[in-house]
Amino acid sequence: MTIHTFSSREFTRDVGAAKRAAASGPVFITDRGKPRYVLQTIEDYYAQQAEGGQSLLALMDAIPGGEGVDFEVPRVPVAARPVDFDAAQ
């Protein structure tokens, strides 16, 4: 599996090239030098889901030159509230 990297600008200019590259492995699309999106074939996606395959994080760790990129997921406060199912009818 080959991992390709396209900047957002490169991707926008030549989507076809990114699609062709995705035929041989995932394509990482970067924004300001940081990976933001992954393009892959639907067959690869389904195969990955079926086998429990590599996580997106593992794939992102495989990006050449991606060492030392911090990724923090912001916490989103969610308040639970009771639902009255009878009122919905």
N, C-alpha and C. Protein backbone atom coordinates (compact mmCIF):
# COMPACT_ATOMS: atom_id res chain seq x y z
N MET A 1 0.84 -1.17 0.00
CA MET A 1 0.00 0.00 0.00
C MET A 1 0.89 1.24 0.00
N THR A 2 0.61 2.13 -0.91
CA THR A 2 1.36 3.38 -1.02
C THR A 2 0.50 4.51 -0.47
N ILE A 3 1.10 5.36 0.35
CA ILE A 3 0.38 6.52 0.88
C ILE A 3 0.84 7.74 0.10
N HIS A 4 -0.11 8.47 -0.46
CA HIS A 4 0.17 9.69 -1.19
C HIS A 4 -0.31 10.88 -0.37
N THR A 5 0.32 12.02 -0.56
CA THR A 5 -0.08 13.23 0.14
C THR A 5 -0.27 14.35 -0.88
N PHE A 6 -1.39 15.03 -0.78
CA PHE A 6 -1.71 16.18 -1.63
C PHE A 6 -2.03 17.36 -0.71
N SER A 7 -1.55 18.53 -1.06
CA SER A 7 -1.98 19.71 -0.33
C SER A 7 -3.42 20.02 -0.78
N SER A 8 -4.12 20.82 -0.02
CA SER A 8 -5.49 21.20 -0.40
C SER A 8 -5.50 21.86 -1.77
N ARG A 9 -4.49 22.67 -2.04
CA ARG A 9 -4.41 23.36 -3.32
C ARG A 9 -4.19 22.37 -4.47
N GLU A 10 -3.26 21.42 -4.27
CA GLU A 10 -3.01 20.40 -5.30
C GLU A 10 -4.27 19.57 -5.56
N PHE A 11 -4.95 19.22 -4.47
CA PHE A 11 -6.17 18.42 -4.60
C PHE A 11 -7.23 19.18 -5.39
N THR A 12 -7.40 20.45 -5.08
CA THR A 12 -8.40 21.27 -5.77
C THR A 12 -8.07 21.41 -7.25
N ARG A 13 -6.80 21.57 -7.56
CA ARG A 13 -6.38 21.76 -8.96
C ARG A 13 -6.50 20.49 -9.79
N ASP A 14 -6.30 19.32 -9.16
CA ASP A 14 -6.30 18.08 -9.94
C ASP A 14 -6.91 16.93 -9.14
N VAL A 15 -8.22 16.96 -9.00
CA VAL A 15 -8.94 15.92 -8.26
C VAL A 15 -8.71 14.56 -8.93
N GLY A 16 -8.64 14.56 -10.25
CA GLY A 16 -8.43 13.31 -10.99
C GLY A 16 -7.13 12.62 -10.59
N ALA A 17 -6.07 13.39 -10.39
CA ALA A 17 -4.78 12.81 -9.97
C ALA A 17 -4.91 12.19 -8.59
N ALA A 18 -5.64 12.84 -7.71
CA ALA A 18 -5.84 12.30 -6.36
C ALA A 18 -6.65 11.00 -6.42
N LYS A 19 -7.66 10.97 -7.28
CA LYS A 19 -8.47 9.76 -7.42
C LYS A 19 -7.63 8.62 -7.98
N ARG A 20 -6.77 8.91 -8.95
CA ARG A 20 -5.90 7.88 -9.51
C ARG A 20 -4.92 7.38 -8.44
N ALA A 21 -4.40 8.29 -7.64
CA ALA A 21 -3.46 7.91 -6.57
C ALA A 21 -4.16 7.03 -5.53
N ALA A 22 -5.43 7.29 -5.28
CA ALA A 22 -6.19 6.52 -4.28
C ALA A 22 -6.35 5.06 -4.71
N ALA A 23 -6.18 4.78 -5.99
CA ALA A 23 -6.28 3.40 -6.47
C ALA A 23 -5.16 2.53 -5.91
N SER A 24 -4.03 3.14 -5.51
CA SER A 24 -2.91 2.36 -4.98
C SER A 24 -2.73 2.52 -3.48
N GLY A 25 -3.60 3.27 -2.84
CA GLY A 25 -3.52 3.44 -1.38
C GLY A 25 -4.16 4.74 -0.96
N PRO A 26 -4.25 4.98 0.35
CA PRO A 26 -4.91 6.19 0.84
C PRO A 26 -4.18 7.46 0.41
N VAL A 27 -4.95 8.51 0.22
CA VAL A 27 -4.41 9.83 -0.14
C VAL A 27 -4.73 10.77 1.02
N PHE A 28 -3.69 11.32 1.62
CA PHE A 28 -3.87 12.29 2.68
C PHE A 28 -3.91 13.67 2.06
N ILE A 29 -4.89 14.45 2.45
CA ILE A 29 -5.03 15.82 1.96
C ILE A 29 -4.71 16.74 3.13
N THR A 30 -3.72 17.58 2.91
CA THR A 30 -3.24 18.43 4.00
C THR A 30 -3.79 19.84 3.88
N ASP A 31 -3.85 20.49 5.01
CA ASP A 31 -4.23 21.90 5.09
C ASP A 31 -3.18 22.59 5.95
N ARG A 32 -2.44 23.48 5.33
CA ARG A 32 -1.34 24.19 6.00
C ARG A 32 -0.30 23.22 6.55
N GLY A 33 -0.06 22.16 5.76
CA GLY A 33 0.98 21.20 6.11
C GLY A 33 0.55 20.10 7.06
N LYS A 34 -0.68 20.15 7.55
CA LYS A 34 -1.15 19.13 8.48
C LYS A 34 -2.21 18.27 7.81
N PRO A 35 -2.16 16.95 8.00
CA PRO A 35 -3.17 16.09 7.39
C PRO A 35 -4.55 16.40 7.96
N ARG A 36 -5.53 16.55 7.06
CA ARG A 36 -6.89 16.87 7.49
C ARG A 36 -7.93 15.88 6.98
N TYR A 37 -7.69 15.29 5.80
CA TYR A 37 -8.67 14.40 5.19
C TYR A 37 -7.96 13.20 4.58
N VAL A 38 -8.73 12.12 4.38
CA VAL A 38 -8.21 10.93 3.72
C VAL A 38 -9.15 10.56 2.60
N LEU A 39 -8.59 10.30 1.41
CA LEU A 39 -9.36 9.85 0.26
C LEU A 39 -8.93 8.41 -0.01
N GLN A 40 -9.90 7.52 -0.13
CA GLN A 40 -9.59 6.13 -0.45
C GLN A 40 -10.73 5.55 -1.27
N THR A 41 -10.45 4.44 -1.93
CA THR A 41 -11.50 3.82 -2.73
C THR A 41 -12.55 3.22 -1.80
N ILE A 42 -13.76 3.11 -2.30
CA ILE A 42 -14.83 2.55 -1.48
C ILE A 42 -14.55 1.09 -1.15
N GLU A 43 -13.89 0.38 -2.06
CA GLU A 43 -13.54 -1.02 -1.80
C GLU A 43 -12.57 -1.12 -0.62
N ASP A 44 -11.57 -0.22 -0.59
CA ASP A 44 -10.63 -0.21 0.53
C ASP A 44 -11.34 0.12 1.83
N TYR A 45 -12.27 1.06 1.76
CA TYR A 45 -13.02 1.45 2.95
C TYR A 45 -13.82 0.26 3.49
N TYR A 46 -14.56 -0.42 2.60
CA TYR A 46 -15.37 -1.56 3.04
C TYR A 46 -14.49 -2.68 3.58
N ALA A 47 -13.35 -2.94 2.93
CA ALA A 47 -12.44 -3.97 3.41
C ALA A 47 -11.90 -3.62 4.80
N GLN A 48 -11.58 -2.37 4.99
CA GLN A 48 -11.07 -1.92 6.28
C GLN A 48 -12.14 -2.08 7.36
N GLN A 49 -13.37 -1.75 7.04
CA GLN A 49 -14.46 -1.88 8.00
C GLN A 49 -14.72 -3.35 8.33
N ALA A 50 -14.64 -4.21 7.33
CA ALA A 50 -14.93 -5.63 7.53
C ALA A 50 -13.89 -6.32 8.41
N GLU A 51 -12.64 -5.94 8.25
CA GLU A 51 -11.58 -6.60 9.00
C GLU A 51 -11.19 -5.86 10.26
N GLY A 52 -11.84 -4.74 10.51
CA GLY A 52 -11.47 -3.95 11.67
C GLY A 52 -10.16 -3.23 11.46
N GLY A 53 -9.58 -3.31 10.28
CA GLY A 53 -8.33 -2.76 9.80
C GLY A 53 -7.67 -1.68 10.64
N GLN A 54 -6.70 -1.04 10.00
CA GLN A 54 -5.96 0.01 10.67
C GLN A 54 -6.88 1.17 11.02
N SER A 55 -6.59 1.77 12.13
CA SER A 55 -7.36 2.96 12.49
C SER A 55 -6.86 4.14 11.66
N LEU A 56 -7.68 5.15 11.58
CA LEU A 56 -7.28 6.37 10.87
C LEU A 56 -6.04 6.96 11.52
N LEU A 57 -5.97 6.87 12.83
CA LEU A 57 -4.80 7.40 13.53
C LEU A 57 -3.54 6.66 13.12
N ALA A 58 -3.63 5.33 12.99
CA ALA A 58 -2.46 4.54 12.56
C ALA A 58 -2.05 4.93 11.14
N LEU A 59 -3.03 5.14 10.26
CA LEU A 59 -2.71 5.57 8.90
C LEU A 59 -2.06 6.94 8.90
N MET A 60 -2.56 7.85 9.73
CA MET A 60 -1.99 9.19 9.78
C MET A 60 -0.57 9.14 10.34
N ASP A 61 -0.32 8.22 11.28
CA ASP A 61 1.03 8.08 11.82
C ASP A 61 2.01 7.61 10.76
N ALA A 62 1.50 6.97 9.71
CA ALA A 62 2.37 6.44 8.65
C ALA A 62 2.76 7.49 7.62
N ILE A 63 2.26 8.71 7.75
CA ILE A 63 2.60 9.77 6.79
C ILE A 63 4.08 10.12 6.93
N PRO A 64 4.82 10.07 5.83
CA PRO A 64 6.22 10.46 5.91
C PRO A 64 6.35 11.92 6.34
N GLY A 65 7.21 12.17 7.30
CA GLY A 65 7.42 13.53 7.79
C GLY A 65 6.35 14.00 8.77
N GLY A 66 5.46 13.12 9.16
CA GLY A 66 4.37 13.51 10.07
C GLY A 66 4.71 13.35 11.54
N GLU A 67 5.95 12.99 11.82
CA GLU A 67 6.35 12.81 13.21
C GLU A 67 6.24 14.13 13.97
N GLY A 68 5.80 14.03 15.18
CA GLY A 68 5.75 15.21 16.03
C GLY A 68 4.54 16.10 15.81
N VAL A 69 3.57 15.66 14.99
CA VAL A 69 2.35 16.45 14.79
C VAL A 69 1.39 16.10 15.91
N ASP A 70 1.06 17.09 16.71
CA ASP A 70 0.13 16.86 17.80
C ASP A 70 -1.30 16.90 17.29
N PHE A 71 -2.12 16.03 17.84
CA PHE A 71 -3.52 15.98 17.47
C PHE A 71 -4.32 15.86 18.75
N GLU A 72 -5.04 16.91 19.08
CA GLU A 72 -5.87 16.89 20.27
C GLU A 72 -7.31 17.10 19.87
N VAL A 73 -8.16 16.24 20.40
CA VAL A 73 -9.58 16.33 20.12
C VAL A 73 -10.22 17.21 21.19
N PRO A 74 -10.88 18.30 20.78
CA PRO A 74 -11.49 19.17 21.78
C PRO A 74 -12.69 18.48 22.43
N ARG A 75 -12.87 18.72 23.70
CA ARG A 75 -14.02 18.19 24.41
C ARG A 75 -15.24 19.05 24.08
N VAL A 76 -16.34 18.37 23.86
CA VAL A 76 -17.58 19.07 23.56
C VAL A 76 -18.57 18.75 24.68
N PRO A 77 -18.96 19.76 25.46
CA PRO A 77 -19.91 19.48 26.54
C PRO A 77 -21.29 19.16 25.98
N VAL A 78 -21.85 18.07 26.44
CA VAL A 78 -23.18 17.66 26.00
C VAL A 78 -24.04 17.49 27.24
N ALA A 79 -25.13 18.20 27.27
CA ALA A 79 -26.05 18.10 28.41
C ALA A 79 -27.19 17.15 28.05
N ALA A 80 -27.35 16.12 28.86
CA ALA A 80 -28.44 15.17 28.63
C ALA A 80 -29.72 15.73 29.24
N ARG A 81 -30.81 15.48 28.56
CA ARG A 81 -32.11 15.92 29.10
C ARG A 81 -33.14 14.83 28.83
N PRO A 82 -34.12 14.71 29.68
CA PRO A 82 -35.13 13.67 29.50
C PRO A 82 -35.99 13.95 28.24
N VAL A 83 -36.46 12.87 27.63
CA VAL A 83 -37.28 12.98 26.44
C VAL A 83 -38.69 12.50 26.77
N ASP A 84 -39.71 13.29 26.37
CA ASP A 84 -41.10 12.90 26.59
C ASP A 84 -41.63 12.38 25.26
N PHE A 85 -41.66 11.05 25.10
CA PHE A 85 -42.07 10.43 23.85
C PHE A 85 -43.57 10.64 23.57
N ASP A 86 -44.37 10.81 24.59
CA ASP A 86 -45.80 11.02 24.39
C ASP A 86 -46.09 12.38 23.77
N ALA A 87 -45.27 13.37 24.03
CA ALA A 87 -45.48 14.72 23.50
C ALA A 87 -45.18 14.79 22.00
N ALA A 88 -44.42 13.84 21.46
CA ALA A 88 -44.04 13.87 20.05
C ALA A 88 -45.17 13.42 19.15
N GLN A 89 -46.21 12.81 19.67
CA GLN A 89 -47.30 12.30 18.83
C GLN A 89 -48.34 13.35 18.55
